[in-house]
Amino acid sequence: MTTRDAPLAVITVTFSPGRHLDALARSLPEACSRPFIVVCADNGSTDGAPEALAAGREDVEVLRTGGNIGYGAAINAAARWLEGRRHAGEIDGEYFLITNPDVRFLPGSIDELAACLRRRPEAGAVGPRIEEEDGRAYPSAREVPGLFTGIGHALLSGLWPSNPFSAAYRAERDMDTERVAGWLSGSCLMVRWDAFDAVGGFDERYFMYLEDVDFGDRLTRAGWRNVYCPSAVIHHDQGHVAGRHARVTVPAHHASAYRFQADRHPAWWQAPLRGALWLGLRARAALELAKGT
C-alpha cells in the first residue's frame, strides 16, 4: 500500500457540533475519491453528535481530549494520536485534512486540495475557496497583520470597513486565482505532515482565534508556503458559535490578538508597546461586550 492508497486522515474538533457534524460527514464521499478516516477530537461535547456519527462506522473515531482544551491543542492531540498509524503506513503519511465540523465540502473539493498540494512542493498548507450562502468568497487567504496594519484594522474595521488597513489585511481583491497567502483560514486546511512537524503543530497557548494566523506565519518563517486553492470549494456556516457565546469569544479574540503581536515584539525595549497593546485591546473588548448587552 502506497501512502496515497492509505486512508486520508480528516481531523475535526468537536464541541457539541449538533447537526453540522452529520452534514460534514455526508459531504465527504463526493469530495474525496479515496478512503478516509474522520477523527473527532472532542473537547467535551454533551450533545452526543460525535458518538452518534461514529456508531457502527469504522471510518469515524472519537478522541476525547479531556475537556475544552482549545482548537489548536485538540488538533495537536489528534495528530499525536495518529502518529503511530502514520509511520506504519496505515494512514496517508504525506498530508492530512483539518476541518471545522460546520463545513460542507463540494464535490471534488478534497481531491482538488490534494492535487494542489502535490503540484506545489513548497506548500506546507493549502486552503479552499470558502463560499458564503450567496456565492461570494469569504476572504480566507489573508496577509499576516503587522503591528500598524493590525492596529488600523482593529480600530477602523467596524466604523469604516473599506479602510486601507483592513483591505491590506483581508487581501480579498483576488479570490479566483491560486496564489501564496500569508495565512489561510483554519476552518479548512490540508497540511503536509512534514511541515506540521517542522513548526511543532499549533501553538497551544491560543485557546481560540488567531491560531491559524500564527500557524501560517510560522510555516512561512520555516520556509514553507501557504497556498490558496480556489478550485476547491467549501461552504462554512460561520459565526453560529461565536454569536451565542460572546462573553467567552470576544475576550478570547482580543487575548489572542495580544499574544500574536507580543510574541513578535519580544524585546525588553518593546515592553511599553506591549503594555499599550494590552490596555488597548482590553478596552476594545470591553466596548464590544458593552455594545452587545
C-alpha atoms as a PDB file:
ATOM      1  CA  MET A   1       0.000   0.000   0.000  1.00  0.00           C
ATOM      2  CA  THR A   2       1.458   3.359  -1.034  1.00  0.00           C
ATOM      3  CA  THR A   3       0.903   6.470   1.038  1.00  0.00           C
ATOM      4  CA  ARG A   4      -1.693   7.673  -1.489  1.00  0.00           C
ATOM      5  CA  ASP A   5      -3.624   4.397  -1.232  1.00  0.00           C
ATOM      6  CA  ALA A   6      -3.785   4.691   2.546  1.00  0.00           C
ATOM      7  CA  PRO A   7      -6.784   6.499   4.066  1.00  0.00           C
ATOM      8  CA  LEU A   8      -6.600  10.263   4.384  1.00  0.00           C
ATOM      9  CA  ALA A   9      -6.856  11.443   7.993  1.00  0.00           C
ATOM     10  CA  VAL A  10      -9.560  14.087   8.464  1.00  0.00           C
ATOM     11  CA  ILE A  11      -9.348  15.848  11.825  1.00  0.00           C
ATOM     12  CA  THR A  12     -12.279  17.886  13.094  1.00  0.00           C
ATOM     13  CA  VAL A  13     -12.538  19.493  16.534  1.00  0.00           C
ATOM     14  CA  THR A  14     -15.959  18.973  18.084  1.00  0.00           C
ATOM     15  CA  PHE A  15     -17.707  20.771  20.921  1.00  0.00           C
ATOM     16  CA  SER A  16     -21.394  19.828  20.754  1.00  0.00           C
ATOM     17  CA  PRO A  17     -21.484  20.363  16.963  1.00  0.00           C
ATOM     18  CA  GLY A  18     -25.123  19.347  16.540  1.00  0.00           C
ATOM     19  CA  ARG A  19     -26.459  18.823  13.014  1.00  0.00           C
ATOM     20  CA  HIS A  20     -23.345  20.270  11.402  1.00  0.00           C
ATOM     21  CA  LEU A  21     -21.198  17.195  12.038  1.00  0.00           C
ATOM     22  CA  ASP A  22     -23.518  14.847  10.175  1.00  0.00           C
ATOM     23  CA  ALA A  23     -23.716  17.296   7.249  1.00  0.00           C
ATOM     24  CA  LEU A  24     -19.910  17.405   7.144  1.00  0.00           C
ATOM     25  CA  ALA A  25     -19.674  13.609   7.065  1.00  0.00           C
ATOM     26  CA  ARG A  26     -22.292  13.313   4.322  1.00  0.00           C
ATOM     27  CA  SER A  27     -20.337  15.739   2.131  1.00  0.00           C
ATOM     28  CA  LEU A  28     -17.042  13.813   2.343  1.00  0.00           C
ATOM     29  CA  PRO A  29     -17.587  10.852  -0.025  1.00  0.00           C
ATOM     30  CA  GLU A  30     -18.282  13.047  -3.066  1.00  0.00           C
ATOM     31  CA  ALA A  31     -15.447  15.401  -2.165  1.00  0.00           C
ATOM     32  CA  CYS A  32     -12.800  12.714  -1.707  1.00  0.00           C
ATOM     33  CA  SER A  33     -12.321   9.840  -4.153  1.00  0.00           C
ATOM     34  CA  ARG A  34     -10.058   7.887  -1.810  1.00  0.00           C
ATOM     35  CA  PRO A  35     -10.612   6.197   1.558  1.00  0.00           C
ATOM     36  CA  PHE A  36     -10.604   8.461   4.595  1.00  0.00           C
ATOM     37  CA  ILE A  37     -10.888   8.268   8.343  1.00  0.00           C
ATOM     38  CA  VAL A  38     -12.561  11.021  10.363  1.00  0.00           C
ATOM     39  CA  VAL A  39     -11.145  11.752  13.808  1.00  0.00           C
ATOM     40  CA  CYS A  40     -13.413  13.831  16.032  1.00  0.00           C
ATOM     41  CA  ALA A  41     -11.062  15.480  18.525  1.00  0.00           C
ATOM     42  CA  ASP A  42     -13.784  16.050  21.071  1.00  0.00           C
ATOM     43  CA  ASN A  43     -13.425  18.905  23.544  1.00  0.00           C
ATOM     44  CA  GLY A  44     -16.288  17.872  25.787  1.00  0.00           C
ATOM     45  CA  SER A  45     -19.418  17.550  23.659  1.00  0.00           C
ATOM     46  CA  THR A  46     -22.641  16.994  25.558  1.00  0.00           C
ATOM     47  CA  ASP A  47     -24.997  16.582  22.598  1.00  0.00           C
ATOM     48  CA  GLY A  48     -23.886  13.076  21.619  1.00  0.00           C
ATOM     49  CA  ALA A  49     -23.241  14.091  17.998  1.00  0.00           C
ATOM     50  CA  PRO A  50     -19.687  12.656  17.720  1.00  0.00           C
ATOM     51  CA  GLU A  51     -20.737   9.346  19.272  1.00  0.00           C
ATOM     52  CA  ALA A  52     -23.819   9.137  17.053  1.00  0.00           C
ATOM     53  CA  LEU A  53     -21.717   9.677  13.934  1.00  0.00           C
ATOM     54  CA  ALA A  54     -19.164   7.043  14.966  1.00  0.00           C
ATOM     55  CA  ALA A  55     -21.760   4.413  15.883  1.00  0.00           C
ATOM     56  CA  GLY A  56     -21.405   1.411  13.596  1.00  0.00           C
ATOM     57  CA  ARG A  57     -18.784   3.063  11.391  1.00  0.00           C
ATOM     58  CA  GLU A  58     -15.141   2.081  11.008  1.00  0.00           C
ATOM     59  CA  ASP A  59     -14.208   5.326   9.244  1.00  0.00           C
ATOM     60  CA  VAL A  60     -15.147   7.620  12.169  1.00  0.00           C
ATOM     61  CA  GLU A  61     -13.348   7.717  15.523  1.00  0.00           C
ATOM     62  CA  VAL A  62     -13.863   9.854  18.614  1.00  0.00           C
ATOM     63  CA  LEU A  63     -10.816  11.040  20.555  1.00  0.00           C
ATOM     64  CA  ARG A  64     -11.757  12.592  23.878  1.00  0.00           C
ATOM     65  CA  THR A  65      -9.231  15.300  24.673  1.00  0.00           C
ATOM     66  CA  GLY A  66     -10.185  15.506  28.338  1.00  0.00           C
ATOM     67  CA  GLY A  67     -12.029  18.821  28.259  1.00  0.00           C
ATOM     68  CA  ASN A  68     -12.296  22.039  26.323  1.00  0.00           C
ATOM     69  CA  ILE A  69      -8.569  22.395  25.702  1.00  0.00           C
ATOM     70  CA  GLY A  70      -8.876  24.719  22.716  1.00  0.00           C
ATOM     71  CA  TYR A  71      -8.838  24.335  18.954  1.00  0.00           C
ATOM     72  CA  GLY A  72      -5.128  24.094  18.237  1.00  0.00           C
ATOM     73  CA  ALA A  73      -4.439  21.858  21.221  1.00  0.00           C
ATOM     74  CA  ALA A  74      -7.163  19.447  20.093  1.00  0.00           C
ATOM     75  CA  ILE A  75      -5.697  19.243  16.574  1.00  0.00           C
ATOM     76  CA  ASN A  76      -2.276  18.572  18.060  1.00  0.00           C
ATOM     77  CA  ALA A  77      -3.740  15.849  20.278  1.00  0.00           C
ATOM     78  CA  ALA A  78      -5.316  14.142  17.257  1.00  0.00           C
ATOM     79  CA  ALA A  79      -2.060  14.427  15.293  1.00  0.00           C
ATOM     80  CA  ARG A  80      -0.159  12.763  18.151  1.00  0.00           C
ATOM     81  CA  TRP A  81      -2.839  10.059  18.393  1.00  0.00           C
ATOM     82  CA  LEU A  82      -2.406   9.279  14.687  1.00  0.00           C
ATOM     83  CA  GLU A  83       1.389   9.335  14.711  1.00  0.00           C
ATOM     84  CA  GLY A  84       1.886   5.590  15.105  1.00  0.00           C
ATOM     85  CA  ARG A  85      -0.529   4.739  12.301  1.00  0.00           C
ATOM     86  CA  ARG A  86       1.013   7.382  10.107  1.00  0.00           C
ATOM     87  CA  HIS A  87       4.514   5.938  10.456  1.00  0.00           C
ATOM     88  CA  ALA A  88       3.168   2.410   9.988  1.00  0.00           C
ATOM     89  CA  GLY A  89       1.581   3.433   6.672  1.00  0.00           C
ATOM     90  CA  GLU A  90      -1.951   2.823   7.936  1.00  0.00           C
ATOM     91  CA  ILE A  91      -2.957   6.389   7.048  1.00  0.00           C
ATOM     92  CA  ASP A  92      -1.544   8.786   4.462  1.00  0.00           C
ATOM     93  CA  GLY A  93       1.878   9.891   5.639  1.00  0.00           C
ATOM     94  CA  GLU A  94       2.191  12.831   3.243  1.00  0.00           C
ATOM     95  CA  TYR A  95      -0.682  15.090   4.251  1.00  0.00           C
ATOM     96  CA  PHE A  96      -3.877  15.301   6.303  1.00  0.00           C
ATOM     97  CA  LEU A  97      -7.004  17.442   6.400  1.00  0.00           C
ATOM     98  CA  ILE A  98      -8.177  19.785   9.163  1.00  0.00           C
ATOM     99  CA  THR A  99     -11.776  20.961   9.020  1.00  0.00           C
ATOM    100  CA  ASN A 100     -14.358  22.576  11.229  1.00  0.00           C
ATOM    101  CA  PRO A 101     -17.456  20.446  11.831  1.00  0.00           C
ATOM    102  CA  ASP A 102     -19.644  23.186  10.337  1.00  0.00           C
ATOM    103  CA  VAL A 103     -18.021  22.859   6.900  1.00  0.00           C
ATOM    104  CA  ARG A 104     -19.639  21.202   3.887  1.00  0.00           C
ATOM    105  CA  PHE A 105     -17.355  20.090   1.070  1.00  0.00           C
ATOM    106  CA  LEU A 106     -18.487  20.487  -2.509  1.00  0.00           C
ATOM    107  CA  PRO A 107     -17.905  17.540  -4.864  1.00  0.00           C
ATOM    108  CA  GLY A 108     -14.243  17.001  -5.719  1.00  0.00           C
ATOM    109  CA  SER A 109     -13.003  19.687  -3.339  1.00  0.00           C
ATOM    110  CA  ILE A 110     -10.749  17.455  -1.221  1.00  0.00           C
ATOM    111  CA  ASP A 111      -9.262  15.904  -4.354  1.00  0.00           C
ATOM    112  CA  GLU A 112      -8.526  19.431  -5.603  1.00  0.00           C
ATOM    113  CA  LEU A 113      -6.740  20.329  -2.376  1.00  0.00           C
ATOM    114  CA  ALA A 114      -4.610  17.186  -2.620  1.00  0.00           C
ATOM    115  CA  ALA A 115      -3.750  17.936  -6.265  1.00  0.00           C
ATOM    116  CA  CYS A 116      -2.773  21.480  -5.332  1.00  0.00           C
ATOM    117  CA  LEU A 117      -0.505  20.256  -2.554  1.00  0.00           C
ATOM    118  CA  ARG A 118       1.170  17.735  -4.841  1.00  0.00           C
ATOM    119  CA  ARG A 119       1.915  20.250  -7.585  1.00  0.00           C
ATOM    120  CA  ARG A 120       3.189  22.816  -5.092  1.00  0.00           C
ATOM    121  CA  PRO A 121       6.053  21.088  -3.223  1.00  0.00           C
ATOM    122  CA  GLU A 122       6.844  24.336  -1.422  1.00  0.00           C
ATOM    123  CA  ALA A 123       3.364  24.383   0.134  1.00  0.00           C
ATOM    124  CA  GLY A 124       3.111  23.435   3.773  1.00  0.00           C
ATOM    125  CA  ALA A 125      -0.635  24.016   3.731  1.00  0.00           C
ATOM    126  CA  VAL A 126      -3.328  24.649   1.138  1.00  0.00           C
ATOM    127  CA  GLY A 127      -6.787  26.071   1.686  1.00  0.00           C
ATOM    128  CA  PRO A 128     -10.006  26.188  -0.359  1.00  0.00           C
ATOM    129  CA  ARG A 129     -12.337  28.897  -1.550  1.00  0.00           C
ATOM    130  CA  ILE A 130     -14.899  29.396   1.221  1.00  0.00           C
ATOM    131  CA  GLU A 131     -18.244  30.498  -0.178  1.00  0.00           C
ATOM    132  CA  GLU A 132     -20.988  32.350   1.631  1.00  0.00           C
ATOM    133  CA  GLU A 133     -24.624  31.381   1.062  1.00  0.00           C
ATOM    134  CA  ASP A 134     -24.901  33.969  -1.736  1.00  0.00           C
ATOM    135  CA  GLY A 135     -21.852  32.554  -3.541  1.00  0.00           C
ATOM    136  CA  ARG A 136     -19.437  35.289  -2.541  1.00  0.00           C
ATOM    137  CA  ALA A 137     -15.976  34.232  -1.478  1.00  0.00           C
ATOM    138  CA  TYR A 138     -15.044  34.753   2.150  1.00  0.00           C
ATOM    139  CA  PRO A 139     -11.553  36.336   2.391  1.00  0.00           C
ATOM    140  CA  SER A 140      -9.855  33.225   3.741  1.00  0.00           C
ATOM    141  CA  ALA A 141      -6.361  33.812   2.276  1.00  0.00           C
ATOM    142  CA  ARG A 142      -5.041  36.871   4.059  1.00  0.00           C
ATOM    143  CA  GLU A 143      -1.837  38.706   4.810  1.00  0.00           C
ATOM    144  CA  VAL A 144      -0.162  38.390   8.190  1.00  0.00           C
ATOM    145  CA  PRO A 145      -1.073  41.530  10.158  1.00  0.00           C
ATOM    146  CA  GLY A 146       1.887  43.700  11.052  1.00  0.00           C
ATOM    147  CA  LEU A 147       1.692  45.992  14.040  1.00  0.00           C
ATOM    148  CA  PHE A 148       0.303  49.047  12.264  1.00  0.00           C
ATOM    149  CA  THR A 149      -1.940  47.067   9.924  1.00  0.00           C
ATOM    150  CA  GLY A 150      -3.331  45.157  12.880  1.00  0.00           C
ATOM    151  CA  ILE A 151      -4.000  48.300  14.924  1.00  0.00           C
ATOM    152  CA  GLY A 152      -5.601  50.067  11.975  1.00  0.00           C
ATOM    153  CA  HIS A 153      -7.814  47.092  11.208  1.00  0.00           C
ATOM    154  CA  ALA A 154      -8.843  46.712  14.863  1.00  0.00           C
ATOM    155  CA  LEU A 155      -9.720  50.395  15.258  1.00  0.00           C
ATOM    156  CA  LEU A 156     -11.410  51.062  11.927  1.00  0.00           C
ATOM    157  CA  SER A 157     -12.947  47.830  10.621  1.00  0.00           C
ATOM    158  CA  GLY A 158     -16.215  48.321  12.475  1.00  0.00           C
ATOM    159  CA  LEU A 159     -16.548  52.007  11.562  1.00  0.00           C
ATOM    160  CA  TRP A 160     -15.019  52.048   8.077  1.00  0.00           C
ATOM    161  CA  PRO A 161     -14.997  48.509   6.636  1.00  0.00           C
ATOM    162  CA  SER A 162     -13.176  49.525   3.437  1.00  0.00           C
ATOM    163  CA  ASN A 163     -10.318  51.280   5.240  1.00  0.00           C
ATOM    164  CA  PRO A 164      -6.857  50.635   3.723  1.00  0.00           C
ATOM    165  CA  PHE A 165      -5.585  48.711   6.755  1.00  0.00           C
ATOM    166  CA  SER A 166      -8.428  46.180   6.602  1.00  0.00           C
ATOM    167  CA  ALA A 167      -8.160  45.967   2.812  1.00  0.00           C
ATOM    168  CA  ALA A 168      -4.449  45.155   3.036  1.00  0.00           C
ATOM    169  CA  TYR A 169      -5.050  42.562   5.747  1.00  0.00           C
ATOM    170  CA  ARG A 170      -8.005  40.821   4.086  1.00  0.00           C
ATOM    171  CA  ALA A 171      -6.328  40.690   0.647  1.00  0.00           C
ATOM    172  CA  GLU A 172      -9.703  39.913  -0.901  1.00  0.00           C
ATOM    173  CA  ARG A 173      -9.336  41.562  -4.307  1.00  0.00           C
ATOM    174  CA  ASP A 174      -8.380  38.307  -5.997  1.00  0.00           C
ATOM    175  CA  MET A 175     -10.192  35.269  -4.687  1.00  0.00           C
ATOM    176  CA  ASP A 176     -10.280  33.463  -8.039  1.00  0.00           C
ATOM    177  CA  THR A 177      -6.544  32.804  -8.563  1.00  0.00           C
ATOM    178  CA  GLU A 178      -4.306  30.203  -6.986  1.00  0.00           C
ATOM    179  CA  ARG A 179      -1.710  32.161  -5.005  1.00  0.00           C
ATOM    180  CA  VAL A 180       0.535  32.293  -1.976  1.00  0.00           C
ATOM    181  CA  ALA A 181      -1.019  33.911   1.102  1.00  0.00           C
ATOM    182  CA  GLY A 182       0.336  34.987   4.460  1.00  0.00           C
ATOM    183  CA  TRP A 183      -2.074  32.615   6.202  1.00  0.00           C
ATOM    184  CA  LEU A 184      -5.153  30.521   5.473  1.00  0.00           C
ATOM    185  CA  SER A 185      -8.355  30.073   7.420  1.00  0.00           C
ATOM    186  CA  GLY A 186      -8.079  27.246   9.925  1.00  0.00           C
ATOM    187  CA  SER A 187     -11.669  26.249   9.193  1.00  0.00           C
ATOM    188  CA  CYS A 188     -10.296  24.048   6.408  1.00  0.00           C
ATOM    189  CA  LEU A 189      -6.649  23.241   5.725  1.00  0.00           C
ATOM    190  CA  MET A 190      -4.846  20.413   4.012  1.00  0.00           C
ATOM    191  CA  VAL A 191      -1.471  20.256   5.722  1.00  0.00           C
ATOM    192  CA  ARG A 192       1.742  18.483   4.810  1.00  0.00           C
ATOM    193  CA  TRP A 193       2.805  16.291   7.731  1.00  0.00           C
ATOM    194  CA  ASP A 194       6.470  17.306   7.328  1.00  0.00           C
ATOM    195  CA  ALA A 195       5.553  20.996   7.556  1.00  0.00           C
ATOM    196  CA  PHE A 196       3.311  20.401  10.578  1.00  0.00           C
ATOM    197  CA  ASP A 197       6.169  18.596  12.328  1.00  0.00           C
ATOM    198  CA  ALA A 198       8.688  21.271  11.341  1.00  0.00           C
ATOM    199  CA  VAL A 199       6.795  24.014  13.195  1.00  0.00           C
ATOM    200  CA  GLY A 200       5.584  21.844  16.076  1.00  0.00           C
ATOM    201  CA  GLY A 201       1.924  21.981  15.085  1.00  0.00           C
ATOM    202  CA  PHE A 202      -0.346  24.649  16.519  1.00  0.00           C
ATOM    203  CA  ASP A 203       0.684  26.901  19.385  1.00  0.00           C
ATOM    204  CA  GLU A 204      -1.433  25.623  22.270  1.00  0.00           C
ATOM    205  CA  ARG A 205      -1.295  28.940  24.110  1.00  0.00           C
ATOM    206  CA  TYR A 206      -4.036  30.129  21.743  1.00  0.00           C
ATOM    207  CA  PHE A 207      -7.333  28.880  23.124  1.00  0.00           C
ATOM    208  CA  MET A 208      -9.287  30.109  20.102  1.00  0.00           C
ATOM    209  CA  TYR A 209      -8.769  32.708  17.358  1.00  0.00           C
ATOM    210  CA  LEU A 210      -5.537  33.596  15.547  1.00  0.00           C
ATOM    211  CA  GLU A 211      -4.070  30.131  15.988  1.00  0.00           C
ATOM    212  CA  ASP A 212      -4.359  29.815  12.201  1.00  0.00           C
ATOM    213  CA  VAL A 213      -2.681  33.208  11.662  1.00  0.00           C
ATOM    214  CA  ASP A 214       0.160  32.157  13.938  1.00  0.00           C
ATOM    215  CA  PHE A 215       0.412  28.745  12.272  1.00  0.00           C
ATOM    216  CA  GLY A 216       0.564  30.233   8.781  1.00  0.00           C
ATOM    217  CA  ASP A 217       3.138  32.809   9.815  1.00  0.00           C
ATOM    218  CA  ARG A 218       5.348  30.162  11.423  1.00  0.00           C
ATOM    219  CA  LEU A 219       5.094  27.990   8.309  1.00  0.00           C
ATOM    220  CA  THR A 220       6.358  30.912   6.228  1.00  0.00           C
ATOM    221  CA  ARG A 221       9.171  31.632   8.686  1.00  0.00           C
ATOM    222  CA  ALA A 222      10.190  27.963   8.450  1.00  0.00           C
ATOM    223  CA  GLY A 223      10.463  28.196   4.658  1.00  0.00           C
ATOM    224  CA  TRP A 224       7.078  26.734   3.660  1.00  0.00           C
ATOM    225  CA  ARG A 225       4.253  28.462   1.805  1.00  0.00           C
ATOM    226  CA  ASN A 226       0.520  28.824   2.420  1.00  0.00           C
ATOM    227  CA  VAL A 227      -1.256  28.327  -0.919  1.00  0.00           C
ATOM    228  CA  TYR A 228      -4.843  29.376  -1.631  1.00  0.00           C
ATOM    229  CA  CYS A 229      -6.540  26.885  -3.972  1.00  0.00           C
ATOM    230  CA  PRO A 230      -9.845  28.330  -5.296  1.00  0.00           C
ATOM    231  CA  SER A 231     -10.595  25.287  -7.456  1.00  0.00           C
ATOM    232  CA  ALA A 232     -11.540  23.559  -4.173  1.00  0.00           C
ATOM    233  CA  VAL A 233     -14.799  24.999  -2.836  1.00  0.00           C
ATOM    234  CA  ILE A 234     -16.484  24.572   0.533  1.00  0.00           C
ATOM    235  CA  HIS A 235     -19.386  26.121   2.402  1.00  0.00           C
ATOM    236  CA  HIS A 236     -18.891  27.186   6.003  1.00  0.00           C
ATOM    237  CA  ASP A 237     -21.636  28.104   8.476  1.00  0.00           C
ATOM    238  CA  GLN A 238     -19.555  30.756  10.197  1.00  0.00           C
ATOM    239  CA  GLY A 239     -20.335  32.540  13.429  1.00  0.00           C
ATOM    240  CA  HIS A 240     -23.043  30.246  14.773  1.00  0.00           C
ATOM    241  CA  VAL A 241     -20.994  29.571  17.926  1.00  0.00           C
ATOM    242  CA  ALA A 242     -19.359  32.967  18.371  1.00  0.00           C
ATOM    243  CA  GLY A 243     -22.674  34.779  18.283  1.00  0.00           C
ATOM    244  CA  ARG A 244     -24.084  32.669  21.130  1.00  0.00           C
ATOM    245  CA  HIS A 245     -21.042  32.866  23.386  1.00  0.00           C
ATOM    246  CA  ALA A 246     -19.773  36.446  23.072  1.00  0.00           C
ATOM    247  CA  ARG A 247     -18.797  36.595  26.753  1.00  0.00           C
ATOM    248  CA  VAL A 248     -16.194  33.927  26.010  1.00  0.00           C
ATOM    249  CA  THR A 249     -15.317  34.582  22.366  1.00  0.00           C
ATOM    250  CA  VAL A 250     -14.785  38.362  22.499  1.00  0.00           C
ATOM    251  CA  PRO A 251     -12.182  38.303  25.317  1.00  0.00           C
ATOM    252  CA  ALA A 252     -10.538  35.238  23.738  1.00  0.00           C
ATOM    253  CA  HIS A 253     -10.231  37.021  20.394  1.00  0.00           C
ATOM    254  CA  HIS A 254      -8.563  40.050  21.929  1.00  0.00           C
ATOM    255  CA  ALA A 255      -6.297  37.933  24.132  1.00  0.00           C
ATOM    256  CA  SER A 256      -5.124  36.059  21.042  1.00  0.00           C
ATOM    257  CA  ALA A 257      -4.521  39.320  19.177  1.00  0.00           C
ATOM    258  CA  TYR A 258      -2.308  40.489  22.025  1.00  0.00           C
ATOM    259  CA  ARG A 259      -0.382  37.212  22.173  1.00  0.00           C
ATOM    260  CA  PHE A 260       0.277  37.266  18.427  1.00  0.00           C
ATOM    261  CA  GLN A 261       1.754  40.776  18.428  1.00  0.00           C
ATOM    262  CA  ALA A 262       3.541  40.385  21.766  1.00  0.00           C
ATOM    263  CA  ASP A 263       5.313  37.275  20.507  1.00  0.00           C
ATOM    264  CA  ARG A 264       6.588  39.234  17.524  1.00  0.00           C
ATOM    265  CA  HIS A 265       7.729  42.202  19.612  1.00  0.00           C
ATOM    266  CA  PRO A 266       9.516  40.441  22.493  1.00  0.00           C
ATOM    267  CA  ALA A 267      12.482  42.750  23.140  1.00  0.00           C
ATOM    268  CA  TRP A 268      12.846  44.418  26.533  1.00  0.00           C
ATOM    269  CA  TRP A 269      12.715  47.853  24.953  1.00  0.00           C
ATOM    270  CA  GLN A 270       9.342  46.951  23.383  1.00  0.00           C
ATOM    271  CA  ALA A 271       7.728  46.483  26.793  1.00  0.00           C
ATOM    272  CA  PRO A 272       5.910  49.871  26.625  1.00  0.00           C
ATOM    273  CA  LEU A 273       4.482  48.833  23.248  1.00  0.00           C
ATOM    274  CA  ARG A 274       3.265  45.538  24.661  1.00  0.00           C
ATOM    275  CA  GLY A 275       1.711  47.377  27.593  1.00  0.00           C
ATOM    276  CA  ALA A 276      -0.111  49.783  25.307  1.00  0.00           C
ATOM    277  CA  LEU A 277      -1.380  46.896  23.180  1.00  0.00           C
ATOM    278  CA  TRP A 278      -2.619  45.037  26.248  1.00  0.00           C
ATOM    279  CA  LEU A 279      -4.514  48.068  27.568  1.00  0.00           C
ATOM    280  CA  GLY A 280      -5.909  48.991  24.163  1.00  0.00           C
ATOM    281  CA  LEU A 281      -7.169  45.507  23.397  1.00  0.00           C
ATOM    282  CA  ARG A 282      -8.690  45.116  26.849  1.00  0.00           C
ATOM    283  CA  ALA A 283     -10.556  48.390  26.349  1.00  0.00           C
ATOM    284  CA  ARG A 284     -11.740  47.373  22.881  1.00  0.00           C
ATOM    285  CA  ALA A 285     -13.022  44.030  24.189  1.00  0.00           C
ATOM    286  CA  ALA A 286     -14.942  45.807  26.959  1.00  0.00           C
ATOM    287  CA  LEU A 287     -16.529  48.160  24.413  1.00  0.00           C
ATOM    288  CA  GLU A 288     -17.579  45.279  22.178  1.00  0.00           C
ATOM    289  CA  LEU A 289     -19.184  43.454  25.083  1.00  0.00           C
ATOM    290  CA  ALA A 290     -20.947  46.626  26.216  1.00  0.00           C
ATOM    291  CA  LYS A 291     -22.403  47.121  22.737  1.00  0.00           C
ATOM    292  CA  GLY A 292     -23.753  43.583  22.760  1.00  0.00           C
ATOM    293  CA  THR A 293     -25.608  43.918  26.044  1.00  0.00           C
END
